[in-house]
Protein backbone atom coordinates (compact mmCIF):
# COMPACT_ATOMS: atom_id res chain seq x y z
CA MET A 1 -70.55 179.95 -57.14
CA SER A 2 -71.78 183.29 -55.81
CA ASN A 3 -69.36 185.64 -54.08
CA LEU A 4 -70.67 186.67 -50.64
CA SER A 5 -67.84 189.07 -49.81
CA THR A 6 -68.51 192.69 -48.96
CA LYS A 7 -66.71 195.70 -47.49
CA TYR A 8 -67.95 197.19 -44.22
CA MET A 9 -66.42 200.37 -42.77
CA GLY A 10 -63.53 199.78 -45.15
CA ILE A 11 -63.01 196.29 -43.68
CA GLU A 12 -63.05 193.34 -46.05
CA LEU A 13 -65.58 190.68 -44.97
CA ASP A 14 -66.08 187.17 -46.35
CA SER A 15 -69.85 187.60 -46.05
CA PRO A 16 -72.37 190.14 -44.70
CA ILE A 17 -73.06 188.06 -41.57
CA ILE A 18 -71.73 189.62 -38.33
CA LEU A 19 -72.20 188.34 -34.79
CA GLY A 20 -73.58 191.31 -32.85
CA ALA A 21 -72.57 192.40 -29.37
CA SER A 22 -73.91 190.12 -26.62
CA ASN A 23 -72.80 187.79 -23.84
CA LEU A 24 -72.03 185.26 -26.58
CA SER A 25 -69.02 187.27 -27.66
CA THR A 26 -67.32 187.39 -24.25
CA ASP A 27 -66.55 183.66 -24.19
CA PHE A 28 -63.44 182.75 -26.19
CA ASN A 29 -64.88 179.31 -26.99
CA ASN A 30 -67.97 180.96 -28.48
CA LEU A 31 -65.81 183.32 -30.51
CA LYS A 32 -63.85 180.44 -32.01
CA LYS A 33 -67.04 178.50 -32.65
CA ALA A 34 -68.60 181.45 -34.47
CA GLU A 35 -65.44 181.78 -36.54
CA GLU A 36 -65.47 178.07 -37.40
CA TYR A 37 -69.08 178.29 -38.57
CA GLY A 38 -68.16 181.11 -40.92
CA VAL A 39 -69.18 184.38 -39.30
CA ALA A 40 -67.54 187.30 -41.11
CA ALA A 41 -66.81 189.46 -38.05
CA VAL A 42 -67.64 189.78 -34.36
CA VAL A 43 -68.76 192.75 -32.31
CA TYR A 44 -67.39 192.22 -28.79
CA LYS A 45 -69.81 192.84 -25.93
CA SER A 46 -70.02 196.51 -24.91
CA LEU A 47 -67.89 198.20 -22.33
CA PHE A 48 -70.63 199.71 -20.14
CA GLU A 49 -69.62 202.74 -18.11
CA GLU A 50 -72.64 202.20 -15.87
CA GLN A 51 -71.31 198.76 -14.94
CA ILE A 52 -67.88 200.19 -14.12
CA GLN A 53 -69.47 202.85 -11.93
CA LEU A 54 -71.58 200.24 -10.14
CA GLU A 55 -68.55 198.02 -9.51
CA SER A 56 -66.62 201.04 -8.20
CA TYR A 57 -69.51 201.97 -5.90
CA ARG A 58 -69.68 198.41 -4.52
CA LEU A 59 -65.91 198.47 -3.95
CA ASP A 60 -66.21 201.70 -1.98
CA GLU A 61 -68.94 200.11 0.13
CA ARG A 62 -66.74 197.12 0.93
CA LEU A 63 -63.75 199.31 1.83
CA ASN A 64 -65.86 201.56 4.03
CA GLU A 65 -66.91 198.55 6.09
CA PHE A 66 -63.45 198.71 7.70
CA ASN A 67 -63.36 202.43 8.46
CA ASP A 68 -63.74 201.90 12.22
CA LEU A 69 -61.20 199.07 12.56
CA ASN A 70 -57.85 199.63 14.20
CA ALA A 71 -54.51 199.22 12.44
CA GLU A 72 -53.92 195.67 13.66
CA MET A 73 -57.22 194.46 12.24
CA LEU A 74 -56.58 196.15 8.93
CA GLN A 75 -53.53 193.95 8.48
CA ILE A 76 -55.76 190.88 8.15
CA HIS A 77 -58.09 192.56 5.67
CA PRO A 78 -57.50 191.16 2.16
CA LYS A 79 -56.39 193.58 -0.53
CA ILE A 80 -59.35 194.62 -2.70
CA GLU A 81 -58.82 196.12 -6.13
CA HIS A 82 -61.19 197.49 -8.75
CA ALA A 83 -60.21 196.65 -12.31
CA GLY A 84 -62.27 199.40 -13.96
CA PRO A 85 -62.02 199.12 -17.75
CA ASP A 86 -58.70 197.25 -17.56
CA GLU A 87 -60.27 193.79 -17.51
CA TYR A 88 -62.37 194.60 -20.58
CA LEU A 89 -59.36 195.96 -22.45
CA LEU A 90 -57.29 192.90 -21.57
CA ASN A 91 -60.03 190.51 -22.70
CA ILE A 92 -60.61 192.28 -25.97
CA ARG A 93 -56.87 192.19 -26.71
CA ARG A 94 -56.89 188.44 -26.11
CA ALA A 95 -59.98 188.02 -28.28
CA LYS A 96 -58.35 189.93 -31.12
CA GLU A 97 -55.23 187.79 -30.88
CA SER A 98 -57.24 184.55 -30.93
CA LEU A 99 -59.30 185.37 -34.04
CA THR A 100 -58.40 185.61 -37.71
CA ILE A 101 -61.63 187.47 -38.56
CA PRO A 102 -62.21 191.18 -37.81
CA LEU A 103 -63.15 192.11 -34.25
CA ILE A 104 -65.14 195.27 -33.54
CA ALA A 105 -65.34 196.73 -30.03
CA SER A 106 -68.49 198.24 -28.58
CA LEU A 107 -68.74 201.19 -26.19
CA ASN A 108 -71.66 202.36 -24.08
CA ALA A 109 -70.59 205.34 -21.97
CA ILE A 110 -72.48 208.05 -20.10
CA ASN A 111 -70.36 211.14 -19.60
CA HIS A 112 -68.76 213.23 -22.34
CA ASP A 113 -65.19 212.84 -21.06
CA THR A 114 -65.43 209.09 -20.51
CA TRP A 115 -66.76 208.54 -24.02
CA ILE A 116 -63.53 210.04 -25.33
CA LYS A 117 -61.31 208.37 -22.73
CA TYR A 118 -62.63 204.84 -23.25
CA ALA A 119 -62.75 205.17 -27.04
CA LYS A 120 -59.03 206.05 -27.04
CA LEU A 121 -58.17 203.12 -24.76
CA ILE A 122 -60.17 200.70 -26.89
CA SER A 123 -58.55 201.94 -30.11
CA GLU A 124 -55.15 200.98 -28.67
CA THR A 125 -56.09 197.30 -28.25
CA GLY A 126 -55.71 196.46 -31.95
CA VAL A 127 -59.41 196.03 -32.73
CA ASP A 128 -60.54 196.64 -36.31
CA GLY A 129 -63.24 199.16 -35.42
CA ILE A 130 -65.45 200.53 -32.65
CA GLU A 131 -69.23 200.65 -32.34
CA LEU A 132 -70.66 203.56 -30.31
CA ASN A 133 -74.05 202.88 -28.74
CA PHE A 134 -75.91 206.19 -28.67
CA TYR A 135 -79.30 206.35 -27.03
CA GLN A 136 -81.15 208.60 -24.63
CA ILE A 137 -84.11 207.50 -22.56
CA PRO A 138 -86.20 210.66 -21.95
CA LEU A 139 -86.04 211.26 -18.20
CA ASP A 140 -85.45 215.02 -18.01
CA PHE A 141 -88.51 217.12 -18.85
CA ASN A 142 -86.33 220.19 -19.45
CA LEU A 143 -83.98 218.57 -21.98
CA SER A 144 -84.92 219.17 -25.63
CA SER A 145 -84.33 216.75 -28.48
CA LYS A 146 -81.86 219.24 -29.97
CA ASP A 147 -79.86 219.27 -26.73
CA ILE A 148 -79.60 215.48 -26.80
CA GLU A 149 -78.64 215.28 -30.46
CA ASP A 150 -76.09 218.11 -30.26
CA ALA A 151 -74.40 216.47 -27.26
CA GLN A 152 -74.10 213.13 -29.06
CA ILE A 153 -72.82 214.74 -32.26
CA ASN A 154 -70.16 216.60 -30.26
CA ILE A 155 -69.07 213.35 -28.61
CA LEU A 156 -68.80 211.71 -32.03
CA LYS A 157 -66.76 214.64 -33.38
CA GLU A 158 -64.22 214.40 -30.57
CA ILE A 159 -63.92 210.64 -30.86
CA ARG A 160 -63.47 210.95 -34.62
CA GLN A 161 -60.63 213.43 -34.04
CA SER A 162 -59.05 211.26 -31.33
CA ILE A 163 -58.88 207.82 -32.97
CA SER A 164 -58.05 206.50 -36.42
CA ILE A 165 -59.93 203.17 -36.49
CA PRO A 166 -63.33 202.94 -38.25
CA ILE A 167 -66.34 204.11 -36.23
CA SER A 168 -69.90 202.83 -36.41
CA VAL A 169 -72.82 204.35 -34.51
CA LYS A 170 -75.57 202.08 -33.24
CA LEU A 171 -78.84 203.92 -32.73
CA SER A 172 -82.36 203.42 -31.49
CA PRO A 173 -85.20 204.67 -33.73
CA ASP A 174 -86.43 206.95 -30.93
CA TYR A 175 -85.27 210.29 -32.30
CA SER A 176 -87.55 213.07 -33.47
CA ASN A 177 -86.22 212.72 -37.02
CA ILE A 178 -83.78 209.83 -37.26
CA LEU A 179 -83.00 210.62 -40.92
CA ASN A 180 -81.92 214.17 -40.12
CA PHE A 181 -79.87 213.03 -37.13
CA ILE A 182 -78.08 210.36 -39.16
CA LYS A 183 -77.39 212.88 -41.94
CA LYS A 184 -75.68 215.18 -39.42
CA MET A 185 -73.60 212.34 -38.01
CA ASP A 186 -72.71 211.20 -41.50
CA LYS A 187 -71.15 214.61 -42.19
CA VAL A 188 -68.93 214.20 -39.10
CA GLY A 189 -67.33 211.17 -40.70
CA THR A 190 -69.12 208.11 -39.36
CA ASP A 191 -68.16 204.94 -41.22
CA SER A 192 -71.38 203.04 -40.53
CA PHE A 193 -74.78 203.16 -38.85
CA VAL A 194 -76.20 200.07 -37.13
CA LEU A 195 -80.01 199.96 -37.14
CA PHE A 196 -81.23 199.35 -34.45
CA ASN A 197 -80.46 198.81 -30.77
CA SER A 198 -82.47 196.37 -28.66
CA PHE A 199 -83.27 197.47 -25.11
CA PHE A 200 -84.43 195.91 -21.90
CA GLN A 201 -87.97 197.12 -21.25
CA PRO A 202 -89.58 197.31 -17.81
CA ASP A 203 -92.39 194.93 -16.97
CA ILE A 204 -94.59 194.23 -13.94
CA ASN A 205 -95.70 190.99 -12.31
CA VAL A 206 -99.30 191.71 -11.26
CA THR A 207 -99.33 188.80 -8.78
CA SER A 208 -96.28 189.87 -6.77
CA GLU A 209 -96.79 193.54 -7.68
CA LYS A 210 -93.10 193.88 -8.44
CA HIS A 211 -91.03 194.87 -11.42
CA ILE A 212 -89.52 192.01 -13.39
CA LYS A 213 -86.80 191.72 -16.00
CA SER A 214 -88.20 190.90 -19.41
CA SER A 215 -86.37 189.19 -22.27
CA HIS A 216 -84.62 191.47 -24.75
CA LEU A 217 -84.29 188.88 -27.50
CA SER A 218 -85.77 189.86 -30.84
CA ASN A 219 -88.74 188.09 -32.35
CA VAL A 220 -89.32 186.90 -35.90
CA GLY A 221 -90.45 189.84 -38.04
CA ASP A 222 -88.88 192.55 -35.88
CA TYR A 223 -86.61 193.55 -38.77
CA LYS A 224 -89.19 195.73 -40.51
CA GLN A 225 -88.20 199.05 -38.95
CA SER A 226 -84.58 198.42 -39.83
CA LEU A 227 -85.65 197.54 -43.38
CA ARG A 228 -87.61 200.78 -43.71
CA TYR A 229 -84.70 203.01 -42.73
CA SER A 230 -82.14 201.03 -44.69
CA GLY A 231 -84.32 201.64 -47.73
CA LEU A 232 -84.64 205.35 -46.97
CA LEU A 233 -80.96 205.91 -46.19
CA TYR A 234 -79.39 203.93 -49.04
CA ASP A 235 -77.44 206.18 -51.42
CA ASN A 236 -78.34 209.25 -49.34
CA ILE A 237 -75.41 208.98 -46.92
CA LYS A 238 -71.74 208.11 -47.34
CA ALA A 239 -71.65 205.69 -44.42
CA ASP A 240 -72.47 202.00 -44.67
CA ILE A 241 -75.71 200.62 -43.25
CA CYS A 242 -75.72 197.56 -41.01
CA SER A 243 -79.16 196.12 -40.26
CA SER A 244 -79.80 194.62 -36.86
CA HIS A 245 -82.75 193.46 -34.73
CA GLY A 246 -84.99 190.54 -35.68
CA ILE A 247 -82.90 188.94 -38.44
CA PHE A 248 -83.44 185.20 -38.08
CA ASN A 249 -83.01 183.47 -41.45
CA GLY A 250 -81.52 183.81 -44.91
CA GLU A 251 -84.63 185.46 -46.28
CA ASP A 252 -84.35 188.22 -43.67
CA VAL A 253 -80.71 188.78 -44.68
CA ILE A 254 -81.69 189.04 -48.36
CA LYS A 255 -84.41 191.58 -47.56
CA MET A 256 -81.96 193.79 -45.68
CA LEU A 257 -79.46 193.70 -48.55
CA LEU A 258 -82.16 194.46 -51.13
CA SER A 259 -83.26 197.47 -49.06
CA GLY A 260 -79.71 198.83 -49.02
CA ALA A 261 -77.84 197.35 -46.06
CA THR A 262 -74.17 196.46 -46.47
CA CYS A 263 -74.34 193.74 -43.83
CA VAL A 264 -76.41 192.44 -40.93
CA GLN A 265 -75.81 191.69 -37.27
CA VAL A 266 -77.38 188.59 -35.72
CA VAL A 267 -77.74 187.65 -32.06
CA SER A 268 -81.19 186.30 -31.16
CA THR A 269 -81.20 183.69 -33.92
CA ILE A 270 -77.89 182.33 -32.58
CA TYR A 271 -79.31 182.11 -29.05
CA ARG A 272 -82.35 180.25 -30.36
CA ASN A 273 -80.76 178.08 -33.07
CA GLY A 274 -77.09 177.76 -32.15
CA PHE A 275 -73.95 178.74 -34.03
CA GLY A 276 -74.82 176.39 -36.88
CA GLN A 277 -77.37 179.03 -37.93
CA ILE A 278 -74.49 181.13 -39.26
CA ARG A 279 -73.75 178.46 -41.83
CA ASN A 280 -77.47 178.22 -42.68
CA LEU A 281 -77.75 181.97 -43.25
CA LYS A 282 -74.82 181.95 -45.66
CA LYS A 283 -76.13 178.87 -47.50
CA GLU A 284 -79.61 180.36 -47.94
CA LEU A 285 -78.15 183.63 -49.22
CA GLU A 286 -75.84 181.80 -51.60
CA ASP A 287 -78.67 179.56 -52.93
CA TRP A 288 -80.87 182.59 -53.58
CA MET A 289 -78.09 184.41 -55.40
CA ASP A 290 -77.46 181.36 -57.58
CA LEU A 291 -81.19 181.11 -58.32
CA LYS A 292 -81.26 184.78 -59.35
CA ASN A 293 -77.94 184.56 -61.22
CA TYR A 294 -76.29 187.17 -58.99
CA LYS A 295 -72.53 186.78 -58.84
CA SER A 296 -71.95 189.37 -56.13
CA ILE A 297 -73.90 191.26 -53.46
CA ASP A 298 -73.19 194.59 -55.16
CA GLU A 299 -75.36 193.46 -58.10
CA PHE A 300 -78.54 193.63 -56.02
CA ARG A 301 -77.75 195.64 -52.89
CA GLY A 302 -80.17 198.56 -52.65
CA LYS A 303 -82.21 197.28 -55.62
CA LEU A 304 -85.40 197.82 -53.61
CA SER A 305 -84.33 200.97 -51.80
CA ARG A 306 -86.49 204.06 -52.08
CA LYS A 307 -83.99 205.76 -54.38
CA ARG A 308 -84.07 202.95 -56.93
CA LEU A 309 -87.80 202.30 -56.90
CA THR A 310 -89.43 203.88 -59.92
CA SER A 311 -92.72 201.97 -60.00
CA ASP A 312 -93.71 202.67 -56.38
CA PRO A 313 -91.37 205.19 -54.70
CA PHE A 314 -93.84 205.73 -51.84
CA ILE A 315 -93.53 202.22 -50.43
CA TYR A 316 -91.33 203.43 -47.56
CA LYS A 317 -93.72 206.24 -46.58
CA ARG A 318 -96.52 206.08 -44.05
CA ALA A 319 -99.00 207.00 -46.82
CA GLN A 320 -98.78 203.39 -47.99
CA TYR A 321 -100.86 202.52 -44.95
CA VAL A 322 -103.82 204.32 -46.55
CA GLU A 323 -103.70 201.96 -49.52
CA LEU A 324 -103.71 198.97 -47.20
CA LEU A 325 -106.76 200.31 -45.38
CA MET A 326 -108.61 200.96 -48.64
CA ASN A 327 -108.01 197.38 -49.70
CA SER A 328 -108.71 195.81 -46.32
CA ASP A 329 -111.83 193.99 -47.56
CA GLU A 330 -109.80 192.23 -50.24
CA MET A 331 -107.15 191.32 -47.72
CA ILE A 332 -109.65 189.82 -45.28
CA ALA A 333 -111.49 187.96 -48.01
CA GLY A 334 -108.26 186.46 -49.22
CA GLY A 335 -109.57 186.36 -52.75
CA THR A 336 -107.60 186.22 -55.98
CA ASN A 337 -107.16 190.00 -55.95
CA SER A 338 -105.67 190.04 -52.46
CA ARG A 339 -102.44 192.02 -52.15
CA ILE A 340 -101.09 189.68 -49.49
CA THR A 341 -98.61 187.20 -50.88
CA PRO A 342 -96.95 184.29 -49.10
CA PRO A 343 -93.27 184.60 -48.17
CA VAL A 344 -90.68 183.44 -50.66
CA LYS A 345 -89.36 179.97 -49.96
CA ILE A 346 -85.61 179.59 -50.32
């Protein structure tokens, strides 16, 4: 029987299947269910500084409602408290105590000082690691890409110096040169990079002429950008690579591992297919490994990365698109010389 175990950020995992950060991971029943179905680790839903600030603002509003009341009336006003990050820290402690598998925290802060403050507090809860969600939506016309990157690297440096637990950085692909940025962060001492973040995107209802919230779940096939950069980064950085976004079945998992990923994070496929999908992913991976006579993941991880490709090292470059265009007639015709091949059935 094939061995699915792997090591991620120095943490021993039974398999490369991790439940990514989402609302699923805030419910203790869901956490236990994911563990029972064989997930290797869980990333607890992010501590969002923006949410804490919003809750604090709403609290201030409620307290200010009573500014003009006299002392006697204030005595009947119920005591209102704002938990801040305390509730999150308490819940993640409880989650860690209830699980036998590794639990990784997730942090999404705004200000430099609070990044450091919250990372320290989280590291004291007993979690096995922390995932930092770095992203920057361009809103300031006067802020350069270098300014943004330097600020995030400095935050990472201070967090690295402040805590001892493993650190992963979850990124969006929206950097001027994501490879260069990751290389710089790798030198700081990052233990892993998670590729990539999924974001809410604005949308408009043309009937009501109002903005609407659109779904942020991934779709089948959305993994390709993560695959590209896993293949480019493999064996070029010290940190592990964790592929995320659009991984739905065992074949997707296999592709990520072949490109160079150490593990994968899944969320959307669990929402759509239930926690039993974790067991399916592991079974499909195991069946494929048995078919290929692989005894361990290390035997094939990165086999199709750019560094190991000798027959076609340009597959991960944009220039490959030229070849596709030149052979477009064959592709449309679907003849015997077509370069399009059906997906592998597992």
